[in-house]
Each structure stands twice: as structure tokens, then as C-alpha cells.
Protein backbone atom coordinates (compact mmCIF):
# COMPACT_ATOMS: atom_id res chain seq x y z
CA MET A 1 0.00 0.00 0.00
CA LYS A 2 2.82 2.40 0.85
CA LYS A 3 4.41 1.92 -2.58
CA LEU A 4 1.09 2.76 -4.23
CA ILE A 5 0.78 5.93 -2.16
CA GLN A 6 4.37 6.96 -2.94
CA GLY A 7 3.86 6.33 -6.64
CA ASN A 8 0.61 8.28 -6.95
CA GLU A 9 1.52 11.66 -8.44
CA ASN A 10 -2.02 12.97 -7.86
CA LEU A 11 -1.46 13.07 -4.09
CA SER A 12 0.30 16.03 -2.50
CA ALA A 13 3.14 15.51 -0.04
CA ASP A 14 0.78 16.47 2.81
CA GLN A 15 -1.83 13.97 1.63
CA ARG A 16 0.83 11.26 1.55
CA HIS A 17 1.88 12.24 5.07
CA LEU A 18 -1.74 11.93 6.23
CA LEU A 19 -2.14 8.51 4.60
CA PHE A 20 1.10 7.16 6.07
CA PHE A 21 0.05 8.45 9.50
CA ILE A 22 -3.36 6.75 9.22
CA LEU A 23 -1.77 3.48 8.13
CA LYS A 24 0.31 3.41 11.34
CA PHE A 25 -2.84 2.97 13.42
CA LYS A 26 -5.26 0.11 12.81
CA SER A 27 -8.05 2.01 14.58
CA ALA A 28 -7.52 5.08 12.38
CA TRP A 29 -7.59 3.00 9.21
CA GLN A 30 -10.77 1.25 10.35
CA ALA A 31 -12.39 4.60 11.15
CA VAL A 32 -11.62 5.89 7.65
CA LEU A 33 -12.98 2.70 6.06
CA LEU A 34 -16.18 2.94 8.11
CA HIS A 35 -16.60 6.71 7.55
CA LYS A 36 -16.26 7.37 11.30
CA PRO A 37 -14.23 9.98 13.17
CA ILE A 38 -10.66 8.96 13.93
CA GLU A 39 -10.10 8.45 17.66
CA LEU A 40 -6.50 8.26 18.87
CA PRO A 41 -4.63 8.93 22.14
CA GLU A 42 -4.18 12.64 22.80
CA GLU A 43 -0.53 12.89 21.70
CA TYR A 44 -1.40 11.34 18.34
CA THR A 45 -4.59 13.35 17.96
CA GLU A 46 -2.51 16.53 18.15
CA ALA A 47 -0.19 15.24 15.42
CA LEU A 48 -3.17 14.28 13.24
CA THR A 49 -4.69 17.73 13.74
CA GLU A 50 -1.42 19.38 12.66
CA ILE A 51 -1.27 17.25 9.51
CA GLU A 52 -4.92 17.90 8.64
CA ALA A 53 -4.50 21.66 9.21
CA LYS A 54 -2.24 21.75 6.14
CA LEU A 55 -5.00 20.26 3.95
CA THR A 56 -8.40 21.40 2.73
CA ASP A 57 -11.48 19.30 3.53
CA LYS A 58 -11.52 18.20 -0.10
CA GLN A 59 -7.91 17.01 0.09
CA ILE A 60 -8.62 15.08 3.30
CA LYS A 61 -11.66 13.40 1.74
CA GLN A 62 -9.63 12.59 -1.37
CA ALA A 63 -6.91 11.00 0.77
CA HIS A 64 -9.46 9.01 2.77
CA SER A 65 -11.07 7.82 -0.46
CA TYR A 66 -7.70 6.54 -1.60
CA LEU A 67 -7.69 4.06 1.31
CA ARG A 68 -11.17 2.79 0.57
């Protein structure tokens, strides 16, 4: 999956960062697949928020769709 993400030129660097972050956590990946909010421990939630702040809602949805 990581090689596919790296090779996709339609994804921005920040979208790739978001996808790699999500793939590190089984619960985050499941939440994306089930269209639910991502719930992580506080220290990881802050990191996720920082990554998502660099992206528009459309870019986040596009990245999530890539995992589905």
C-alpha cells in the first residue's frame, strides 16, 4: 500500500503524510474505512490535527477515499 501511495503523483506531499500516518494505526484505518471519526490517544490526535491543518477538507476526503 505504501508503494502505491508513494507512486501516486495525484497526491500532494501532505496527503501522503496523512495517509502514512493513518496506516500506522489500525483504529484510524478502520475509522476511515467505516466513515467514522478517527479516535487516537491525545498525543497522536494533536499530530493528526497538525497534519490535517495543512490540507483542505476536499484534500482530506480525497486521501481518505484513496484508502477505501
